[in-house]
Amino acid sequence: MENIFALVSRTDKDGNVSIRLGLRLKIAGIESFCPVSKWCEAFDAFEKETRAVNRSLEQMRTKAQTLFGSRSPATGIEIRPDMPPDEIWGILAAIGDEEILVSVFNELDDSQKQAVAEHVLTQCNIFSSKAAVFSRRYDSEAGCMT
């Protein structure tokens, strides 16, 4: 698949460079650029913008997952939207493979991820067992496990 993302840069009269992220659109052989981020004058700002794009893409993936059903295709683990966070954590904590745990957690709806994170970080001993794995790999800014 051809890369649909592109970077556009500009230089002001003082020589300062700014970049922005966008989508390359090709319609009837004509290529166009559609910006999806603000102009960024530093990498930190660009990274913040790309995190926002990633969150938006993750929300779309979650919506699509809901449309296709809530069962994780890779694991067969089913977590329903009405499950309380302690029950969801019980399912996650029982997963033996850490990478599968991360994947299943990251597939949760944003509100479920937030509720589970709050449960684990306030109700579980984060120095032992799967709660330790969770606390080590949870990125509160991104709202997912890394």
N, C-alpha and C. Protein backbone atom coordinates (compact mmCIF):
# COMPACT_ATOMS: atom_id res chain seq x y z
N MET A 1 0.84 -1.18 0.00
CA MET A 1 0.00 0.00 0.00
C MET A 1 0.88 1.24 0.00
N GLU A 2 0.54 2.16 -0.83
CA GLU A 2 1.27 3.42 -0.91
C GLU A 2 1.01 4.23 0.36
N ASN A 3 2.04 4.93 0.85
CA ASN A 3 1.90 5.73 2.06
C ASN A 3 0.94 6.89 1.79
N ILE A 4 -0.12 6.97 2.58
CA ILE A 4 -1.10 8.03 2.38
C ILE A 4 -0.73 9.31 3.14
N PHE A 5 0.24 9.21 4.05
CA PHE A 5 0.65 10.38 4.82
C PHE A 5 1.80 11.10 4.14
N ALA A 6 1.85 12.40 4.35
CA ALA A 6 2.94 13.21 3.79
C ALA A 6 3.26 14.32 4.77
N LEU A 7 4.50 14.77 4.72
CA LEU A 7 4.93 15.93 5.49
C LEU A 7 5.14 17.08 4.52
N VAL A 8 4.68 18.24 4.94
CA VAL A 8 4.91 19.45 4.16
C VAL A 8 5.71 20.38 5.06
N SER A 9 6.72 20.99 4.49
CA SER A 9 7.53 21.92 5.27
C SER A 9 7.49 23.29 4.63
N ARG A 10 7.74 24.27 5.46
CA ARG A 10 7.84 25.64 4.98
C ARG A 10 8.93 26.35 5.78
N THR A 11 9.52 27.31 5.16
CA THR A 11 10.58 28.09 5.81
C THR A 11 10.17 29.56 5.74
N ASP A 12 10.19 30.21 6.91
CA ASP A 12 9.82 31.64 6.90
C ASP A 12 11.03 32.49 6.49
N LYS A 13 10.84 33.79 6.43
CA LYS A 13 11.89 34.70 5.95
C LYS A 13 13.12 34.70 6.85
N ASP A 14 12.96 34.26 8.13
CA ASP A 14 14.09 34.20 9.06
C ASP A 14 14.80 32.85 9.02
N GLY A 15 14.32 31.94 8.18
CA GLY A 15 14.94 30.62 8.06
C GLY A 15 14.39 29.58 9.01
N ASN A 16 13.31 29.90 9.75
CA ASN A 16 12.69 28.94 10.67
C ASN A 16 11.82 27.96 9.88
N VAL A 17 12.00 26.67 10.17
CA VAL A 17 11.27 25.63 9.46
C VAL A 17 10.07 25.18 10.29
N SER A 18 8.94 24.99 9.63
CA SER A 18 7.73 24.43 10.23
C SER A 18 7.30 23.25 9.37
N ILE A 19 6.69 22.26 10.00
CA ILE A 19 6.16 21.13 9.24
C ILE A 19 4.73 20.84 9.70
N ARG A 20 4.00 20.14 8.85
CA ARG A 20 2.67 19.68 9.21
C ARG A 20 2.43 18.33 8.54
N LEU A 21 1.61 17.55 9.17
CA LEU A 21 1.24 16.23 8.67
C LEU A 21 -0.04 16.36 7.86
N GLY A 22 -0.10 15.59 6.80
CA GLY A 22 -1.31 15.61 5.99
C GLY A 22 -1.51 14.30 5.26
N LEU A 23 -2.62 14.22 4.57
CA LEU A 23 -2.94 13.06 3.74
C LEU A 23 -2.70 13.42 2.28
N ARG A 24 -2.06 12.49 1.58
CA ARG A 24 -1.89 12.65 0.14
C ARG A 24 -3.11 12.04 -0.52
N LEU A 25 -3.84 12.83 -1.25
CA LEU A 25 -5.03 12.37 -1.95
C LEU A 25 -4.74 12.32 -3.43
N LYS A 26 -5.13 11.22 -4.04
CA LYS A 26 -4.93 11.08 -5.47
C LYS A 26 -6.28 10.74 -6.09
N ILE A 27 -6.82 11.69 -6.85
CA ILE A 27 -8.13 11.51 -7.47
C ILE A 27 -7.98 11.80 -8.96
N ALA A 28 -8.35 10.81 -9.75
CA ALA A 28 -8.28 10.93 -11.21
C ALA A 28 -6.89 11.37 -11.67
N GLY A 29 -5.86 10.82 -11.01
CA GLY A 29 -4.49 11.11 -11.40
C GLY A 29 -3.94 12.43 -10.88
N ILE A 30 -4.76 13.19 -10.18
CA ILE A 30 -4.31 14.47 -9.62
C ILE A 30 -4.07 14.29 -8.13
N GLU A 31 -2.86 14.66 -7.72
CA GLU A 31 -2.49 14.50 -6.31
C GLU A 31 -2.71 15.82 -5.58
N SER A 32 -3.27 15.70 -4.37
CA SER A 32 -3.53 16.87 -3.55
C SER A 32 -3.12 16.56 -2.11
N PHE A 33 -2.96 17.59 -1.32
CA PHE A 33 -2.54 17.44 0.07
C PHE A 33 -3.65 17.98 0.97
N CYS A 34 -4.05 17.19 1.96
CA CYS A 34 -5.07 17.60 2.92
C CYS A 34 -4.43 17.61 4.31
N PRO A 35 -4.23 18.78 4.90
CA PRO A 35 -3.57 18.84 6.21
C PRO A 35 -4.42 18.21 7.31
N VAL A 36 -3.75 17.51 8.23
CA VAL A 36 -4.43 16.93 9.39
C VAL A 36 -3.79 17.39 10.70
N SER A 37 -2.80 18.26 10.61
CA SER A 37 -2.19 18.81 11.83
C SER A 37 -1.93 20.29 11.63
N LYS A 38 -1.66 20.95 12.75
CA LYS A 38 -1.26 22.36 12.71
C LYS A 38 0.19 22.43 12.25
N TRP A 39 0.62 23.63 11.89
CA TRP A 39 2.03 23.84 11.60
C TRP A 39 2.80 23.70 12.91
N CYS A 40 3.92 22.99 12.88
CA CYS A 40 4.72 22.74 14.07
C CYS A 40 6.14 23.26 13.84
N GLU A 41 6.61 24.02 14.80
CA GLU A 41 7.96 24.59 14.69
C GLU A 41 9.00 23.79 15.46
N ALA A 42 8.56 22.75 16.20
CA ALA A 42 9.48 21.90 16.96
C ALA A 42 8.96 20.47 16.94
N PHE A 43 9.87 19.53 17.14
CA PHE A 43 9.47 18.12 17.10
C PHE A 43 8.46 17.80 18.19
N ASP A 44 8.61 18.37 19.38
CA ASP A 44 7.67 18.10 20.47
C ASP A 44 6.24 18.46 20.07
N ALA A 45 6.08 19.59 19.41
CA ALA A 45 4.75 20.01 18.94
C ALA A 45 4.23 19.04 17.89
N PHE A 46 5.10 18.61 16.99
CA PHE A 46 4.70 17.66 15.95
C PHE A 46 4.31 16.32 16.58
N GLU A 47 5.07 15.89 17.57
CA GLU A 47 4.74 14.64 18.26
C GLU A 47 3.37 14.72 18.93
N LYS A 48 3.07 15.84 19.54
CA LYS A 48 1.76 16.05 20.17
C LYS A 48 0.65 15.95 19.12
N GLU A 49 0.87 16.56 17.97
CA GLU A 49 -0.12 16.51 16.90
C GLU A 49 -0.33 15.07 16.39
N THR A 50 0.76 14.32 16.24
CA THR A 50 0.62 12.95 15.74
C THR A 50 -0.05 12.06 16.78
N ARG A 51 0.17 12.33 18.07
CA ARG A 51 -0.55 11.58 19.11
C ARG A 51 -2.05 11.81 19.00
N ALA A 52 -2.44 13.06 18.72
CA ALA A 52 -3.86 13.36 18.56
C ALA A 52 -4.44 12.61 17.36
N VAL A 53 -3.68 12.54 16.27
CA VAL A 53 -4.12 11.79 15.09
C VAL A 53 -4.25 10.31 15.45
N ASN A 54 -3.27 9.78 16.18
CA ASN A 54 -3.33 8.37 16.59
C ASN A 54 -4.55 8.08 17.46
N ARG A 55 -4.86 8.99 18.39
CA ARG A 55 -6.04 8.80 19.24
C ARG A 55 -7.31 8.78 18.39
N SER A 56 -7.37 9.67 17.41
CA SER A 56 -8.53 9.71 16.54
C SER A 56 -8.65 8.42 15.72
N LEU A 57 -7.54 7.93 15.21
CA LEU A 57 -7.55 6.66 14.47
C LEU A 57 -7.96 5.51 15.37
N GLU A 58 -7.48 5.51 16.61
CA GLU A 58 -7.83 4.46 17.57
C GLU A 58 -9.33 4.49 17.86
N GLN A 59 -9.91 5.68 17.95
CA GLN A 59 -11.36 5.79 18.16
C GLN A 59 -12.12 5.22 16.98
N MET A 60 -11.64 5.46 15.77
CA MET A 60 -12.30 4.90 14.59
C MET A 60 -12.18 3.38 14.57
N ARG A 61 -11.01 2.87 14.98
CA ARG A 61 -10.82 1.42 15.04
C ARG A 61 -11.77 0.80 16.06
N THR A 62 -11.93 1.47 17.19
CA THR A 62 -12.82 0.97 18.23
C THR A 62 -14.27 0.98 17.75
N LYS A 63 -14.66 2.04 17.05
CA LYS A 63 -16.02 2.09 16.51
C LYS A 63 -16.24 0.96 15.50
N ALA A 64 -15.25 0.73 14.66
CA ALA A 64 -15.36 -0.36 13.68
C ALA A 64 -15.45 -1.71 14.39
N GLN A 65 -14.68 -1.86 15.44
CA GLN A 65 -14.72 -3.12 16.21
C GLN A 65 -16.12 -3.33 16.79
N THR A 66 -16.73 -2.26 17.28
CA THR A 66 -18.08 -2.36 17.82
C THR A 66 -19.06 -2.78 16.73
N LEU A 67 -18.89 -2.21 15.53
CA LEU A 67 -19.77 -2.58 14.42
C LEU A 67 -19.60 -4.04 14.02
N PHE A 68 -18.37 -4.54 14.11
CA PHE A 68 -18.11 -5.93 13.74
C PHE A 68 -18.33 -6.89 14.90
N GLY A 69 -18.52 -6.39 16.11
CA GLY A 69 -18.69 -7.21 17.29
C GLY A 69 -17.57 -6.97 18.27
N SER A 70 -17.81 -7.25 19.53
CA SER A 70 -16.85 -6.89 20.57
C SER A 70 -15.82 -7.97 20.88
N ARG A 71 -15.88 -9.08 20.18
CA ARG A 71 -14.92 -10.15 20.43
C ARG A 71 -13.60 -9.82 19.75
N SER A 72 -12.51 -9.94 20.51
CA SER A 72 -11.19 -9.68 19.94
C SER A 72 -10.85 -10.79 18.96
N PRO A 73 -10.66 -10.47 17.69
CA PRO A 73 -10.42 -11.52 16.70
C PRO A 73 -9.14 -12.29 16.95
N ALA A 74 -8.13 -11.65 17.50
CA ALA A 74 -6.85 -12.33 17.71
C ALA A 74 -6.90 -13.30 18.88
N THR A 75 -7.72 -13.02 19.87
CA THR A 75 -7.68 -13.83 21.09
C THR A 75 -8.98 -14.56 21.39
N GLY A 76 -10.08 -14.12 20.81
CA GLY A 76 -11.37 -14.72 21.13
C GLY A 76 -11.92 -14.24 22.46
N ILE A 77 -11.26 -13.31 23.10
CA ILE A 77 -11.70 -12.79 24.39
C ILE A 77 -12.81 -11.78 24.16
N GLU A 78 -13.91 -11.95 24.87
CA GLU A 78 -15.04 -11.04 24.70
C GLU A 78 -15.20 -10.17 25.94
N ILE A 79 -15.18 -8.87 25.72
CA ILE A 79 -15.42 -7.90 26.79
C ILE A 79 -16.59 -7.05 26.34
N ARG A 80 -17.68 -7.14 27.07
CA ARG A 80 -18.90 -6.43 26.71
C ARG A 80 -18.84 -4.97 27.17
N PRO A 81 -19.54 -4.08 26.48
CA PRO A 81 -19.55 -2.67 26.86
C PRO A 81 -20.11 -2.40 28.25
N ASP A 82 -20.98 -3.30 28.76
CA ASP A 82 -21.60 -3.08 30.06
C ASP A 82 -20.82 -3.68 31.24
N MET A 83 -19.66 -4.27 30.98
CA MET A 83 -18.87 -4.89 32.06
C MET A 83 -18.26 -3.83 32.95
N PRO A 84 -18.29 -4.05 34.28
CA PRO A 84 -17.62 -3.12 35.19
C PRO A 84 -16.10 -3.28 35.10
N PRO A 85 -15.36 -2.23 35.47
CA PRO A 85 -13.90 -2.27 35.32
C PRO A 85 -13.22 -3.40 36.08
N ASP A 86 -13.73 -3.76 37.27
CA ASP A 86 -13.10 -4.84 38.02
C ASP A 86 -13.26 -6.18 37.32
N GLU A 87 -14.38 -6.37 36.66
CA GLU A 87 -14.60 -7.61 35.89
C GLU A 87 -13.70 -7.65 34.65
N ILE A 88 -13.59 -6.51 33.98
CA ILE A 88 -12.70 -6.43 32.82
C ILE A 88 -11.27 -6.70 33.25
N TRP A 89 -10.86 -6.10 34.39
CA TRP A 89 -9.49 -6.32 34.87
C TRP A 89 -9.28 -7.79 35.22
N GLY A 90 -10.28 -8.44 35.77
CA GLY A 90 -10.17 -9.87 36.07
C GLY A 90 -9.87 -10.69 34.82
N ILE A 91 -10.52 -10.34 33.72
CA ILE A 91 -10.27 -11.03 32.44
C ILE A 91 -8.86 -10.72 31.95
N LEU A 92 -8.49 -9.43 31.99
CA LEU A 92 -7.16 -9.03 31.51
C LEU A 92 -6.05 -9.65 32.35
N ALA A 93 -6.23 -9.65 33.66
CA ALA A 93 -5.19 -10.17 34.56
C ALA A 93 -4.98 -11.67 34.39
N ALA A 94 -5.99 -12.35 33.85
CA ALA A 94 -5.88 -13.79 33.64
C ALA A 94 -5.15 -14.15 32.35
N ILE A 95 -4.87 -13.17 31.52
CA ILE A 95 -4.18 -13.42 30.25
C ILE A 95 -2.70 -13.67 30.54
N GLY A 96 -2.19 -14.78 30.09
CA GLY A 96 -0.81 -15.16 30.38
C GLY A 96 0.23 -14.39 29.59
N ASP A 97 -0.05 -14.09 28.35
CA ASP A 97 0.91 -13.42 27.48
C ASP A 97 0.77 -11.90 27.62
N GLU A 98 1.84 -11.24 28.01
CA GLU A 98 1.83 -9.80 28.25
C GLU A 98 1.45 -9.01 27.01
N GLU A 99 1.92 -9.43 25.85
CA GLU A 99 1.61 -8.70 24.62
C GLU A 99 0.13 -8.83 24.26
N ILE A 100 -0.46 -9.98 24.55
CA ILE A 100 -1.90 -10.14 24.31
C ILE A 100 -2.68 -9.27 25.29
N LEU A 101 -2.24 -9.22 26.54
CA LEU A 101 -2.86 -8.34 27.54
C LEU A 101 -2.87 -6.90 27.03
N VAL A 102 -1.73 -6.43 26.55
CA VAL A 102 -1.61 -5.06 26.03
C VAL A 102 -2.56 -4.87 24.85
N SER A 103 -2.56 -5.81 23.93
CA SER A 103 -3.41 -5.71 22.75
C SER A 103 -4.89 -5.67 23.11
N VAL A 104 -5.33 -6.55 23.99
CA VAL A 104 -6.74 -6.58 24.37
C VAL A 104 -7.12 -5.30 25.11
N PHE A 105 -6.25 -4.83 26.01
CA PHE A 105 -6.54 -3.58 26.71
C PHE A 105 -6.68 -2.43 25.72
N ASN A 106 -5.74 -2.33 24.78
CA ASN A 106 -5.75 -1.23 23.81
C ASN A 106 -6.94 -1.28 22.86
N GLU A 107 -7.57 -2.45 22.73
CA GLU A 107 -8.76 -2.58 21.89
C GLU A 107 -10.03 -2.11 22.59
N LEU A 108 -9.96 -1.88 23.90
CA LEU A 108 -11.14 -1.44 24.65
C LEU A 108 -11.57 -0.05 24.22
N ASP A 109 -12.83 0.23 24.43
CA ASP A 109 -13.36 1.57 24.24
C ASP A 109 -12.63 2.52 25.19
N ASP A 110 -12.47 3.78 24.78
CA ASP A 110 -11.73 4.75 25.59
C ASP A 110 -12.27 4.85 27.02
N SER A 111 -13.58 4.86 27.18
CA SER A 111 -14.15 4.98 28.53
C SER A 111 -13.85 3.73 29.35
N GLN A 112 -13.83 2.56 28.70
CA GLN A 112 -13.48 1.32 29.42
C GLN A 112 -12.00 1.35 29.81
N LYS A 113 -11.13 1.80 28.89
CA LYS A 113 -9.71 1.88 29.22
C LYS A 113 -9.49 2.79 30.42
N GLN A 114 -10.15 3.92 30.43
CA GLN A 114 -9.99 4.87 31.53
C GLN A 114 -10.50 4.27 32.85
N ALA A 115 -11.64 3.61 32.81
CA ALA A 115 -12.21 3.00 34.02
C ALA A 115 -11.32 1.88 34.54
N VAL A 116 -10.80 1.05 33.64
CA VAL A 116 -9.92 -0.05 34.05
C VAL A 116 -8.63 0.52 34.63
N ALA A 117 -8.07 1.53 33.99
CA ALA A 117 -6.84 2.15 34.50
C ALA A 117 -7.06 2.71 35.90
N GLU A 118 -8.16 3.40 36.09
CA GLU A 118 -8.46 3.95 37.41
C GLU A 118 -8.61 2.83 38.44
N HIS A 119 -9.29 1.76 38.05
CA HIS A 119 -9.45 0.61 38.96
C HIS A 119 -8.10 0.02 39.34
N VAL A 120 -7.28 -0.26 38.35
CA VAL A 120 -5.99 -0.90 38.61
C VAL A 120 -5.10 0.00 39.46
N LEU A 121 -5.03 1.27 39.09
CA LEU A 121 -4.10 2.18 39.77
C LEU A 121 -4.57 2.59 41.17
N THR A 122 -5.86 2.44 41.46
CA THR A 122 -6.35 2.82 42.79
C THR A 122 -6.75 1.65 43.66
N GLN A 123 -7.08 0.51 43.05
CA GLN A 123 -7.60 -0.62 43.83
C GLN A 123 -6.69 -1.84 43.88
N CYS A 124 -5.70 -1.90 43.01
CA CYS A 124 -4.84 -3.09 42.94
C CYS A 124 -3.43 -2.77 43.44
N ASN A 125 -2.73 -3.80 43.86
CA ASN A 125 -1.34 -3.64 44.28
C ASN A 125 -0.48 -3.56 43.02
N ILE A 126 -0.05 -2.35 42.69
CA ILE A 126 0.68 -2.15 41.43
C ILE A 126 2.14 -2.61 41.51
N PHE A 127 2.51 -3.24 42.61
CA PHE A 127 3.88 -3.73 42.75
C PHE A 127 3.98 -5.23 42.54
N SER A 128 2.87 -5.87 42.22
CA SER A 128 2.93 -7.32 42.01
C SER A 128 1.96 -7.73 40.91
N SER A 129 2.22 -8.89 40.37
CA SER A 129 1.34 -9.53 39.40
C SER A 129 1.13 -8.67 38.15
N LYS A 130 -0.02 -8.84 37.52
CA LYS A 130 -0.33 -8.14 36.27
C LYS A 130 -0.52 -6.64 36.50
N ALA A 131 -0.90 -6.24 37.71
CA ALA A 131 -1.04 -4.81 37.99
C ALA A 131 0.31 -4.10 37.86
N ALA A 132 1.39 -4.81 38.20
CA ALA A 132 2.73 -4.23 38.03
C ALA A 132 3.04 -4.05 36.55
N VAL A 133 2.67 -5.03 35.75
CA VAL A 133 2.85 -4.92 34.29
C VAL A 133 2.04 -3.74 33.78
N PHE A 134 0.81 -3.64 34.24
CA PHE A 134 -0.06 -2.56 33.80
C PHE A 134 0.54 -1.20 34.16
N SER A 135 0.93 -1.04 35.41
CA SER A 135 1.44 0.27 35.85
C SER A 135 2.73 0.65 35.13
N ARG A 136 3.53 -0.35 34.77
CA ARG A 136 4.78 -0.09 34.06
C ARG A 136 4.53 0.30 32.61
N ARG A 137 3.51 -0.27 31.98
CA ARG A 137 3.30 -0.07 30.55
C ARG A 137 2.17 0.90 30.20
N TYR A 138 1.43 1.36 31.21
CA TYR A 138 0.31 2.26 30.93
C TYR A 138 0.81 3.68 30.69
N ASP A 139 0.37 4.27 29.59
CA ASP A 139 0.70 5.65 29.24
C ASP A 139 -0.56 6.48 29.46
N SER A 140 -0.62 7.21 30.56
CA SER A 140 -1.82 7.95 30.92
C SER A 140 -2.14 9.05 29.91
N GLU A 141 -1.13 9.63 29.29
CA GLU A 141 -1.35 10.69 28.31
C GLU A 141 -2.05 10.14 27.06
N ALA A 142 -1.57 8.98 26.60
CA ALA A 142 -2.15 8.37 25.39
C ALA A 142 -3.38 7.54 25.72
N GLY A 143 -3.52 7.12 26.99
CA GLY A 143 -4.67 6.31 27.39
C GLY A 143 -4.59 4.89 26.92
N CYS A 144 -3.36 4.38 26.74
CA CYS A 144 -3.21 2.99 26.30
C CYS A 144 -1.92 2.42 26.90
N MET A 145 -1.76 1.12 26.72
CA MET A 145 -0.55 0.45 27.17
C MET A 145 0.43 0.43 26.01
N THR A 146 1.71 0.60 26.33
CA THR A 146 2.73 0.60 25.28
C THR A 146 3.57 -0.67 25.34
